[in-house]
Amino acid sequence: MTEKQKNDVLYVCSLIETIARKTKNHRQDVIRHFTKADIERQLRLAEVNHCLSFEQVSDELIEDFNIPEGDFDTAAECRYTVPSATSIGMLYQGLVLSTMKDDDAAQAIRDVFSSFITDEISDFNSNVYYTNPDYLRCSYLEGKMLA
């Protein structure tokens, strides 16, 4: 995978995180609105959309995909400094790249964002964000957080 493709994965992961925060939805609920083809399209558009703000692109996607307002507001509940959407996007990027099969980034993004791990990562009052990336990968592959 090229550096450009890795950056495209980072952009799309950060975009999903931004949409989830804006709409106060679980990341699993956001990703359900996107087919694999939709994610592939966002990966293709990432280089162009990167010139635009996350605000603009996320607002357009929220409207285009009719993503409703939820009540999962982990940022408001956080007792600490909330990591930026891009910082969380980097965490997801690493997980996607380390678990994807056959260079299928779109499917890996759908798989990761559909899993239990997103609620763990979104709990900004826990230390999961600061956890070793290999621990996150192993937990994701096992289907649960490891003790």
Protein backbone atom coordinates (compact mmCIF):
# COMPACT_ATOMS: atom_id res chain seq x y z
CA MET A 1 0.00 0.00 0.00
CA THR A 2 1.37 3.41 -0.93
CA GLU A 3 1.76 6.33 1.47
CA LYS A 4 -1.02 8.13 -0.42
CA GLN A 5 -3.37 5.18 0.14
CA LYS A 6 -2.44 5.08 3.83
CA ASN A 7 -3.20 8.79 4.08
CA ASP A 8 -6.55 8.19 2.35
CA VAL A 9 -7.38 5.58 5.01
CA LEU A 10 -6.46 8.09 7.72
CA TYR A 11 -8.69 10.72 6.12
CA VAL A 12 -11.71 8.40 5.87
CA CYS A 13 -11.26 7.10 9.44
CA SER A 14 -11.02 10.68 10.73
CA LEU A 15 -14.07 11.63 8.69
CA ILE A 16 -16.13 8.81 10.20
CA GLU A 17 -15.01 9.88 13.67
CA THR A 18 -16.00 13.49 12.87
CA ILE A 19 -19.45 12.42 11.63
CA ALA A 20 -20.02 10.28 14.72
CA ARG A 21 -19.10 13.13 17.05
CA LYS A 22 -21.22 15.68 15.19
CA THR A 23 -24.27 13.43 15.11
CA LYS A 24 -23.65 11.94 18.58
CA ASN A 25 -23.79 8.40 17.23
CA HIS A 26 -21.92 5.20 17.94
CA ARG A 27 -19.36 4.63 15.23
CA GLN A 28 -21.13 1.35 14.37
CA ASP A 29 -24.33 3.31 13.70
CA VAL A 30 -22.52 5.72 11.38
CA ILE A 31 -20.78 3.02 9.33
CA ARG A 32 -24.12 1.24 8.74
CA HIS A 33 -25.10 4.14 6.51
CA PHE A 34 -22.22 3.43 4.13
CA THR A 35 -21.87 0.49 1.78
CA LYS A 36 -18.46 -0.84 0.86
CA ALA A 37 -18.81 1.02 -2.45
CA ASP A 38 -19.50 4.25 -0.53
CA ILE A 39 -16.31 3.78 1.49
CA GLU A 40 -14.35 2.98 -1.68
CA ARG A 41 -15.66 6.23 -3.17
CA GLN A 42 -14.63 8.20 -0.09
CA LEU A 43 -11.15 6.66 -0.32
CA ARG A 44 -10.92 7.76 -3.97
CA LEU A 45 -12.15 11.27 -3.09
CA ALA A 46 -9.95 11.62 -0.02
CA GLU A 47 -7.10 13.37 -1.82
CA VAL A 48 -9.48 16.00 -3.23
CA ASN A 49 -11.65 16.29 -0.11
CA HIS A 50 -8.54 16.69 2.01
CA CYS A 51 -8.39 20.26 0.67
CA LEU A 52 -11.79 20.92 2.27
CA SER A 53 -12.58 21.09 5.96
CA PHE A 54 -13.84 18.03 7.82
CA GLU A 55 -16.77 20.25 8.79
CA GLN A 56 -17.85 20.78 5.19
CA VAL A 57 -17.33 17.21 4.00
CA SER A 58 -18.93 15.69 7.11
CA ASP A 59 -21.96 18.02 6.84
CA GLU A 60 -22.44 16.98 3.22
CA LEU A 61 -22.21 13.27 4.05
CA ILE A 62 -24.54 13.60 7.04
CA GLU A 63 -27.10 15.19 4.73
CA ASP A 64 -26.51 12.88 1.72
CA PHE A 65 -26.73 9.70 3.81
CA ASN A 66 -29.48 10.95 6.15
CA ILE A 67 -27.50 10.24 9.29
CA PRO A 68 -29.79 11.09 12.21
CA GLU A 69 -28.90 12.74 15.49
CA GLY A 70 -28.13 10.24 18.26
CA ASP A 71 -27.46 10.47 21.98
CA PHE A 72 -23.96 8.96 22.24
CA ASP A 73 -22.00 12.06 23.23
CA THR A 74 -18.73 10.80 24.66
CA ALA A 75 -16.99 14.14 24.17
CA ALA A 76 -19.43 15.91 26.50
CA GLU A 77 -19.01 13.19 29.12
CA CYS A 78 -15.21 13.28 29.00
CA ARG A 79 -13.45 14.41 32.16
CA TYR A 80 -10.20 14.96 30.28
CA THR A 81 -9.03 16.60 27.07
CA VAL A 82 -10.80 14.91 24.17
CA PRO A 83 -8.38 13.66 21.51
CA SER A 84 -8.90 15.27 18.11
CA ALA A 85 -10.83 13.39 15.44
CA THR A 86 -7.59 13.14 13.47
CA SER A 87 -5.75 11.63 16.46
CA ILE A 88 -8.49 9.02 16.82
CA GLY A 89 -8.41 8.59 13.03
CA MET A 90 -4.72 7.66 13.32
CA LEU A 91 -5.59 5.01 15.87
CA TYR A 92 -8.24 3.58 13.54
CA GLN A 93 -5.87 3.84 10.57
CA GLY A 94 -3.31 1.69 12.38
CA LEU A 95 -5.96 -0.87 13.28
CA VAL A 96 -7.35 -0.95 9.73
CA LEU A 97 -3.91 -1.29 8.13
CA SER A 98 -2.78 -3.99 10.56
CA THR A 99 -5.91 -6.14 10.12
CA MET A 100 -6.97 -5.69 6.50
CA LYS A 101 -6.87 -8.59 4.08
CA ASP A 102 -5.92 -8.45 0.41
CA ASP A 103 -5.29 -4.67 0.50
CA ASP A 104 -9.07 -4.18 0.82
CA ALA A 105 -9.05 -1.00 2.89
CA ALA A 106 -12.75 -0.28 2.37
CA GLN A 107 -13.79 -3.65 3.80
CA ALA A 108 -11.32 -3.32 6.66
CA ILE A 109 -12.74 0.13 7.52
CA ARG A 110 -16.26 -1.31 7.52
CA ASP A 111 -15.17 -4.27 9.65
CA VAL A 112 -13.29 -2.20 12.24
CA PHE A 113 -15.99 0.47 12.56
CA SER A 114 -18.68 -2.24 12.84
CA SER A 115 -16.97 -3.92 15.78
CA PHE A 116 -17.14 -3.59 19.55
CA ILE A 117 -13.75 -1.87 19.58
CA THR A 118 -15.23 1.48 18.51
CA ASP A 119 -17.16 1.93 21.76
CA GLU A 120 -13.98 1.08 23.68
CA ILE A 121 -11.97 3.65 21.70
CA SER A 122 -14.77 6.23 22.03
CA ASP A 123 -14.73 6.01 25.82
CA PHE A 124 -12.49 9.02 26.31
CA ASN A 125 -12.55 8.47 30.09
CA SER A 126 -10.71 5.17 29.66
CA ASN A 127 -7.11 4.60 28.69
CA VAL A 128 -7.87 2.68 25.48
CA TYR A 129 -6.78 5.62 23.32
CA TYR A 130 -3.33 5.40 24.94
CA THR A 131 -3.14 1.61 24.74
CA ASN A 132 -0.43 -0.14 22.77
CA PRO A 133 -1.67 -0.49 19.15
CA ASP A 134 -0.72 -4.18 19.14
CA TYR A 135 -2.96 -4.74 22.18
CA LEU A 136 -5.84 -3.08 20.32
CA ARG A 137 -5.18 -5.23 17.25
CA CYS A 138 -5.10 -8.43 19.31
CA SER A 139 -8.24 -7.42 21.23
CA TYR A 140 -10.05 -6.61 18.00
CA LEU A 141 -9.05 -9.95 16.46
CA GLU A 142 -10.11 -11.82 19.63
CA GLY A 143 -13.45 -9.99 19.65
CA LYS A 144 -13.01 -8.59 23.15
CA MET A 145 -10.71 -6.43 25.22
CA LEU A 146 -8.01 -8.66 26.65
CA ALA A 147 -7.28 -8.60 30.37
